[in-house]
Protein backbone atom coordinates (compact mmCIF):
# COMPACT_ATOMS: atom_id res chain seq x y z
CA MET A 1 112.55 104.08 69.01
CA ALA A 2 111.25 100.97 67.75
CA GLY A 3 107.32 99.27 68.74
CA ALA A 4 105.20 101.44 70.05
CA ILE A 5 105.27 104.07 72.38
CA THR A 6 104.48 105.08 75.61
CA ARG A 7 105.00 107.44 77.71
CA GLY A 8 104.94 108.24 81.72
CA VAL A 9 106.12 109.67 85.04
CA PHE A 10 109.02 108.50 87.44
CA PHE A 11 107.94 109.96 91.01
CA VAL A 12 110.69 110.01 93.49
CA HIS A 13 109.37 110.87 96.94
CA SER A 14 112.11 110.30 98.77
CA SER A 15 115.86 109.21 98.46
CA PRO A 16 119.22 109.99 100.21
CA ARG A 17 121.18 112.40 98.66
CA ALA A 18 123.78 110.13 97.56
CA LEU A 19 121.34 108.23 95.88
CA CYS A 20 120.36 111.01 93.48
CA PRO A 21 123.09 110.33 90.62
CA HIS A 22 122.66 106.68 90.98
CA LEU A 23 119.33 106.95 90.26
CA GLU A 24 119.85 109.34 87.34
CA TRP A 25 122.38 106.74 85.63
CA ALA A 26 119.34 103.68 86.46
CA ALA A 27 116.79 105.48 84.84
CA SER A 28 119.03 107.07 81.77
CA ASN A 29 120.14 103.40 81.59
CA VAL A 30 116.70 102.10 81.12
CA LEU A 31 115.02 105.07 78.97
CA GLY A 32 118.11 105.22 76.83
CA THR A 33 118.51 108.73 77.22
CA ALA A 34 120.40 111.26 79.56
CA VAL A 35 117.72 111.98 82.38
CA THR A 36 118.75 114.88 85.03
CA LEU A 37 116.16 115.26 87.76
CA ASP A 38 115.48 118.70 89.48
CA TRP A 39 116.29 117.41 93.05
CA ILE A 40 114.45 119.99 96.04
CA GLU A 41 113.99 118.69 99.41
CA GLN A 42 111.45 116.52 100.55
CA PRO A 43 109.27 118.13 103.10
CA ALA A 44 107.75 115.52 105.00
CA ALA A 45 111.19 113.78 105.56
CA PRO A 46 113.77 116.10 106.26
CA GLY A 47 117.41 114.93 105.08
CA LEU A 48 115.73 113.77 101.74
CA TYR A 49 114.92 114.90 98.65
CA ARG A 50 112.36 114.45 95.88
CA ALA A 51 112.05 114.84 92.03
CA GLU A 52 109.72 114.26 89.13
CA TYR A 53 110.61 113.21 85.58
CA THR A 54 108.10 112.82 82.22
CA TRP A 55 109.40 109.90 80.16
CA GLN A 56 108.74 109.13 76.80
CA GLY A 57 109.70 105.68 75.29
CA GLN A 58 108.92 102.27 74.11
CA GLN A 59 105.83 99.97 75.72
CA GLY A 60 107.43 98.28 79.19
CA SER A 61 110.13 101.00 80.13
CA GLY A 62 107.66 101.59 82.89
CA SER A 63 108.27 98.07 84.06
CA ARG A 64 112.05 98.31 83.23
CA LEU A 65 112.84 101.18 85.47
CA ALA A 66 110.66 99.56 88.36
CA SER A 67 112.71 96.60 88.12
CA ALA A 68 115.93 98.47 87.69
CA LEU A 69 115.24 100.09 91.47
CA ARG A 70 113.63 97.41 93.25
CA GLY A 71 114.95 96.68 96.24
CA TRP A 72 117.50 99.98 96.35
CA THR A 73 117.02 101.11 100.20
CA HIS A 74 115.74 104.05 101.36
CA LEU A 75 114.05 105.06 98.46
CA ARG A 76 110.10 105.51 98.00
CA TYR A 77 108.93 105.78 94.25
CA GLU A 78 106.47 105.27 91.60
CA VAL A 79 106.62 104.90 88.67
CA THR A 80 103.34 105.34 85.98
CA GLU A 81 103.19 103.76 83.10
CA GLU A 82 100.18 104.95 80.12
CA ALA A 83 98.59 102.78 78.41
CA SER A 84 98.82 102.54 74.56
CA HIS A 85 98.39 100.97 71.15
CA GLY A 86 97.28 97.18 72.42
CA SER A 87 98.42 97.46 76.18
CA ASP A 88 97.07 98.54 79.54
CA GLY A 89 98.93 101.30 81.84
CA SER A 90 100.55 100.49 84.94
CA ARG A 91 101.79 101.74 88.00
CA TRP A 92 104.32 100.72 90.57
CA SER A 93 105.02 102.04 93.92
CA HIS A 94 107.90 101.28 95.92
CA THR A 95 108.33 101.68 100.00
CA PRO A 96 111.71 100.36 101.78
CA GLU A 97 109.00 98.72 104.38
CA LEU A 98 107.00 97.17 101.82
CA GLY A 99 108.68 96.94 98.83
CA ILE A 100 107.08 96.62 95.24
CA PHE A 101 103.43 96.85 94.56
CA HIS A 102 102.64 96.86 90.59
CA ALA A 103 99.00 97.09 89.51
CA ALA A 104 97.62 97.83 85.49
CA THR A 105 95.49 101.10 84.73
CA ASP A 106 92.98 101.75 82.55
CA VAL A 107 93.02 104.96 79.63
CA HIS A 108 91.91 106.73 82.21
CA GLY A 109 94.75 105.52 85.08
CA ASN A 110 91.88 104.23 86.98
CA MET A 111 93.83 100.67 88.82
CA VAL A 112 92.13 97.57 87.10
CA VAL A 113 91.81 95.08 89.55
CA PRO A 114 92.09 91.57 87.89
CA GLU A 115 88.86 89.09 88.19
CA ASP A 116 90.94 86.42 90.22
CA ARG A 117 92.24 88.90 92.81
CA VAL A 118 88.21 89.92 93.00
CA ARG A 119 86.99 86.36 93.36
CA ALA A 120 89.71 85.34 96.22
CA ALA A 121 88.83 88.33 98.36
CA LEU A 122 85.47 86.66 97.52
CA GLU A 123 86.30 83.79 99.36
CA PHE A 124 86.09 85.62 102.84
CA ALA A 125 82.55 87.49 102.12
CA HIS A 126 81.75 85.53 105.62
CA ASP A 127 84.43 87.76 107.34
CA PRO A 128 83.66 91.28 105.91
CA ARG A 129 86.93 92.41 107.99
CA ARG A 130 89.34 89.36 106.05
CA MET A 131 87.81 90.33 102.96
CA ARG A 132 88.26 94.02 103.62
CA ASN A 133 91.63 92.95 103.76
CA GLU A 134 92.11 91.08 100.60
CA LEU A 135 90.31 94.12 99.04
CA ASP A 136 92.89 96.53 100.27
CA LEU A 137 95.68 94.31 99.39
CA ALA A 138 94.61 93.98 95.89
CA LEU A 139 94.30 97.92 95.40
CA GLY A 140 98.10 98.53 96.79
CA GLN A 141 95.93 100.44 100.08
CA ALA A 142 98.74 99.84 102.27
CA TRP A 143 101.35 101.85 99.75
CA ASP A 144 99.33 104.34 99.27
CA ASP A 145 98.70 104.76 102.63
CA GLU A 146 102.30 104.95 103.49
CA LEU A 147 103.19 106.98 100.19
CA GLU A 148 100.23 109.74 100.74
CA PRO A 149 102.14 112.30 102.52
CA PHE A 150 105.18 112.26 100.51
CA ARG A 151 103.68 113.38 97.30
CA TYR A 152 101.03 115.82 99.10
CA ALA A 153 104.60 117.47 100.65
CA GLY A 154 106.08 116.83 96.95
CA ALA A 155 103.00 119.13 95.48
CA GLY A 156 104.35 121.68 97.33
CA ALA A 157 101.00 121.31 100.35
CA PRO A 158 102.28 121.67 103.79
CA VAL A 159 101.83 118.62 105.73
CA ARG A 160 98.93 118.77 107.59
CA TRP A 161 97.54 115.82 110.02
CA LEU A 162 94.08 116.53 110.42
CA HIS A 163 93.10 115.25 113.82
CA ARG A 164 89.23 114.41 114.88
CA VAL A 165 87.83 116.34 117.95
CA GLY A 166 84.86 115.02 119.62
């Protein structure tokens, strides 16, 4: 591999069974190596499957992987790329309802919100609700809200919905 090397993780949070081999082929094509995923049932969505794959490749591989899967119907996924020499990290999140979200990340994996996004949100400081909506959009809150049950279920934790009483 020429150029700077980085690594990341490809999380398939939910996929119909029929798409599973296509995801492996797409990832293999982007990463330049055979990718075989260990598919397990997704407890948060019966009938769907999940998998994780830790990858290593050239800078930009995460972007190419996320782009190769962008718009695939019925697919929830995340791709991370760690920061490496001369490059910030990134995270891409995709859901069928919301499409794709991208955020830059620092060396610790924290999301970095660009100055212009913060300034745009501050334009609505007179309207706290609107300012909050702008910041939530900059942070990808809607994607996190939708993916969170799939993340926890995929980690082997039971899906438990907590309700406030009283």
